Amino acid sequence: MYQIYQRKHFKIYKADDGIILHNSLYDFSQAHTHLKSVKQAKLLIQYSLDKRIPRDLSLYLLISLLRINSGQHTKEYSEKIEELIDNKKQRQTYYNRGPRYRMSGRSCA
């Protein structure tokens, strides 16, 4: 594992299984996450530095954002991320079942 990028206190490492993003303000075991690309890591760094939480981020990237911001310095920010994660987990998925199931007065069996 070797460092390939650093911005402020965030470091990106290249590992055998992908990319590791670490917030060096905190212990490695508490504030790191595994990602697929450097682009994703840089995006999370930017969001973290700007204290932004895009609502269209995947659940995996939201959890990663939470992991790298899990310290006392970012408590309010972390709570907002957790709230969005909980909302995404509770959201029900809508499935369009097609016109066959919408016919009135007919059995769909």
C-alpha atoms as a PDB file:
ATOM      1  CA  MET A   1       0.000   0.000   0.000  1.00  0.00           C
ATOM      2  CA  TYR A   2       1.432   3.376  -0.995  1.00  0.00           C
ATOM      3  CA  GLN A   3       0.169   6.950  -0.978  1.00  0.00           C
ATOM      4  CA  ILE A   4      -0.837   8.383  -4.353  1.00  0.00           C
ATOM      5  CA  TYR A   5      -2.611  11.633  -3.398  1.00  0.00           C
ATOM      6  CA  GLN A   6      -3.055  14.002  -0.474  1.00  0.00           C
ATOM      7  CA  ARG A   7      -5.288  17.005   0.071  1.00  0.00           C
ATOM      8  CA  LYS A   8      -5.134  18.691   3.459  1.00  0.00           C
ATOM      9  CA  HIS A   9      -5.568  15.872   6.007  1.00  0.00           C
ATOM     10  CA  PHE A  10      -7.021  13.334   3.560  1.00  0.00           C
ATOM     11  CA  LYS A  11      -4.752  10.734   2.008  1.00  0.00           C
ATOM     12  CA  ILE A  12      -5.469   8.299  -0.820  1.00  0.00           C
ATOM     13  CA  TYR A  13      -3.589   5.016  -0.936  1.00  0.00           C
ATOM     14  CA  LYS A  14      -3.349   2.419  -3.686  1.00  0.00           C
ATOM     15  CA  ALA A  15      -3.935  -1.055  -2.283  1.00  0.00           C
ATOM     16  CA  ASP A  16      -4.112  -4.496  -3.878  1.00  0.00           C
ATOM     17  CA  ASP A  17      -7.916  -4.503  -3.810  1.00  0.00           C
ATOM     18  CA  GLY A  18      -8.540  -0.882  -4.882  1.00  0.00           C
ATOM     19  CA  ILE A  19      -8.261   2.526  -3.256  1.00  0.00           C
ATOM     20  CA  ILE A  20      -8.187   3.439   0.432  1.00  0.00           C
ATOM     21  CA  LEU A  21      -9.178   6.911   1.608  1.00  0.00           C
ATOM     22  CA  HIS A  22      -7.963   7.923   5.073  1.00  0.00           C
ATOM     23  CA  ASN A  23      -8.648  10.987   7.208  1.00  0.00           C
ATOM     24  CA  SER A  24      -5.280  11.420   8.929  1.00  0.00           C
ATOM     25  CA  LEU A  25      -6.763  13.476  11.787  1.00  0.00           C
ATOM     26  CA  TYR A  26      -7.986  10.187  13.227  1.00  0.00           C
ATOM     27  CA  ASP A  27      -6.666   6.693  13.740  1.00  0.00           C
ATOM     28  CA  PHE A  28      -6.558   4.606  10.558  1.00  0.00           C
ATOM     29  CA  SER A  29      -8.950   1.982  11.932  1.00  0.00           C
ATOM     30  CA  GLN A  30     -11.589   4.631  12.712  1.00  0.00           C
ATOM     31  CA  ALA A  31     -11.436   6.908   9.678  1.00  0.00           C
ATOM     32  CA  HIS A  32     -10.734   5.023   6.467  1.00  0.00           C
ATOM     33  CA  THR A  33     -12.821   3.527   3.713  1.00  0.00           C
ATOM     34  CA  HIS A  34     -12.281   1.325   0.663  1.00  0.00           C
ATOM     35  CA  LEU A  35     -13.314   2.631  -2.751  1.00  0.00           C
ATOM     36  CA  LYS A  36     -13.121   1.526  -6.363  1.00  0.00           C
ATOM     37  CA  SER A  37     -11.518   4.604  -7.919  1.00  0.00           C
ATOM     38  CA  VAL A  38      -9.416   7.660  -7.199  1.00  0.00           C
ATOM     39  CA  LYS A  39     -12.172   9.784  -8.732  1.00  0.00           C
ATOM     40  CA  GLN A  40     -14.649   8.588  -6.079  1.00  0.00           C
ATOM     41  CA  ALA A  41     -12.092   9.260  -3.336  1.00  0.00           C
ATOM     42  CA  LYS A  42     -11.413  12.801  -4.569  1.00  0.00           C
ATOM     43  CA  LEU A  43     -15.148  13.437  -4.774  1.00  0.00           C
ATOM     44  CA  LEU A  44     -15.639  12.341  -1.149  1.00  0.00           C
ATOM     45  CA  ILE A  45     -12.716  14.536  -0.082  1.00  0.00           C
ATOM     46  CA  GLN A  46     -14.320  17.542  -1.774  1.00  0.00           C
ATOM     47  CA  TYR A  47     -17.707  16.835  -0.179  1.00  0.00           C
ATOM     48  CA  SER A  48     -16.072  16.415   3.208  1.00  0.00           C
ATOM     49  CA  LEU A  49     -14.057  19.638   3.006  1.00  0.00           C
ATOM     50  CA  ASP A  50     -17.129  21.587   1.836  1.00  0.00           C
ATOM     51  CA  LYS A  51     -19.380  19.819   4.388  1.00  0.00           C
ATOM     52  CA  ARG A  52     -21.797  18.945   1.569  1.00  0.00           C
ATOM     53  CA  ILE A  53     -24.085  15.909   1.501  1.00  0.00           C
ATOM     54  CA  PRO A  54     -25.484  15.257  -1.986  1.00  0.00           C
ATOM     55  CA  ARG A  55     -28.794  13.438  -1.793  1.00  0.00           C
ATOM     56  CA  ASP A  56     -28.073  11.449  -4.942  1.00  0.00           C
ATOM     57  CA  LEU A  57     -25.041   9.617  -3.518  1.00  0.00           C
ATOM     58  CA  SER A  58     -25.363   5.857  -3.268  1.00  0.00           C
ATOM     59  CA  LEU A  59     -25.788   4.291   0.139  1.00  0.00           C
ATOM     60  CA  TYR A  60     -22.251   2.851  -0.070  1.00  0.00           C
ATOM     61  CA  LEU A  61     -20.691   6.273  -0.739  1.00  0.00           C
ATOM     62  CA  LEU A  62     -22.750   7.875   2.035  1.00  0.00           C
ATOM     63  CA  ILE A  63     -21.460   5.268   4.487  1.00  0.00           C
ATOM     64  CA  SER A  64     -17.926   5.902   3.207  1.00  0.00           C
ATOM     65  CA  LEU A  65     -18.400   9.647   3.732  1.00  0.00           C
ATOM     66  CA  LEU A  66     -19.577   8.943   7.271  1.00  0.00           C
ATOM     67  CA  ARG A  67     -16.571   6.719   7.989  1.00  0.00           C
ATOM     68  CA  ILE A  68     -14.017   9.365   7.015  1.00  0.00           C
ATOM     69  CA  ASN A  69     -15.873  12.001   9.080  1.00  0.00           C
ATOM     70  CA  SER A  70     -16.481  10.001  12.230  1.00  0.00           C
ATOM     71  CA  GLY A  71     -14.545  12.254  14.629  1.00  0.00           C
ATOM     72  CA  GLN A  72     -15.608  14.820  17.189  1.00  0.00           C
ATOM     73  CA  HIS A  73     -14.671  17.745  14.898  1.00  0.00           C
ATOM     74  CA  THR A  74     -17.448  16.805  12.483  1.00  0.00           C
ATOM     75  CA  LYS A  75     -20.188  15.644  14.844  1.00  0.00           C
ATOM     76  CA  GLU A  76     -22.996  17.780  13.351  1.00  0.00           C
ATOM     77  CA  TYR A  77     -21.966  16.865   9.804  1.00  0.00           C
ATOM     78  CA  SER A  78     -21.819  13.163  10.717  1.00  0.00           C
ATOM     79  CA  GLU A  79     -25.297  13.314  12.241  1.00  0.00           C
ATOM     80  CA  LYS A  80     -26.716  14.768   9.017  1.00  0.00           C
ATOM     81  CA  ILE A  81     -25.074  11.974   7.011  1.00  0.00           C
ATOM     82  CA  GLU A  82     -26.492   9.345   9.392  1.00  0.00           C
ATOM     83  CA  GLU A  83     -29.958  10.858   9.018  1.00  0.00           C
ATOM     84  CA  LEU A  84     -29.769  10.641   5.232  1.00  0.00           C
ATOM     85  CA  ILE A  85     -28.502   7.030   5.443  1.00  0.00           C
ATOM     86  CA  ASP A  86     -31.440   6.097   7.682  1.00  0.00           C
ATOM     87  CA  ASN A  87     -33.877   7.750   5.272  1.00  0.00           C
ATOM     88  CA  LYS A  88     -32.414   5.882   2.314  1.00  0.00           C
ATOM     89  CA  LYS A  89     -32.613   2.562   4.160  1.00  0.00           C
ATOM     90  CA  GLN A  90     -36.277   3.128   5.059  1.00  0.00           C
ATOM     91  CA  ARG A  91     -37.343   4.320   1.623  1.00  0.00           C
ATOM     92  CA  GLN A  92     -39.587   1.861  -0.165  1.00  0.00           C
ATOM     93  CA  THR A  93     -38.783   1.032  -3.747  1.00  0.00           C
ATOM     94  CA  TYR A  94     -41.471   1.613  -6.364  1.00  0.00           C
ATOM     95  CA  TYR A  95     -41.878  -1.005  -9.058  1.00  0.00           C
ATOM     96  CA  ASN A  96     -43.872  -0.251 -12.196  1.00  0.00           C
ATOM     97  CA  ARG A  97     -45.761  -3.499 -12.720  1.00  0.00           C
ATOM     98  CA  GLY A  98     -47.007  -2.683 -16.191  1.00  0.00           C
ATOM     99  CA  PRO A  99     -50.443  -2.236 -17.765  1.00  0.00           C
ATOM    100  CA  ARG A 100     -51.488  -5.862 -17.260  1.00  0.00           C
ATOM    101  CA  TYR A 101     -51.787  -5.287 -13.529  1.00  0.00           C
ATOM    102  CA  ARG A 102     -53.651  -1.983 -13.857  1.00  0.00           C
ATOM    103  CA  MET A 103     -56.681  -3.240 -15.772  1.00  0.00           C
ATOM    104  CA  SER A 104     -59.789  -2.547 -13.780  1.00  0.00           C
ATOM    105  CA  GLY A 105     -62.213  -5.318 -13.049  1.00  0.00           C
ATOM    106  CA  ARG A 106     -59.896  -8.130 -14.178  1.00  0.00           C
ATOM    107  CA  SER A 107     -58.108 -10.654 -12.102  1.00  0.00           C
ATOM    108  CA  CYS A 108     -54.343 -10.747 -12.443  1.00  0.00           C
ATOM    109  CA  ALA A 109     -53.938 -14.334 -11.348  1.00  0.00           C
END
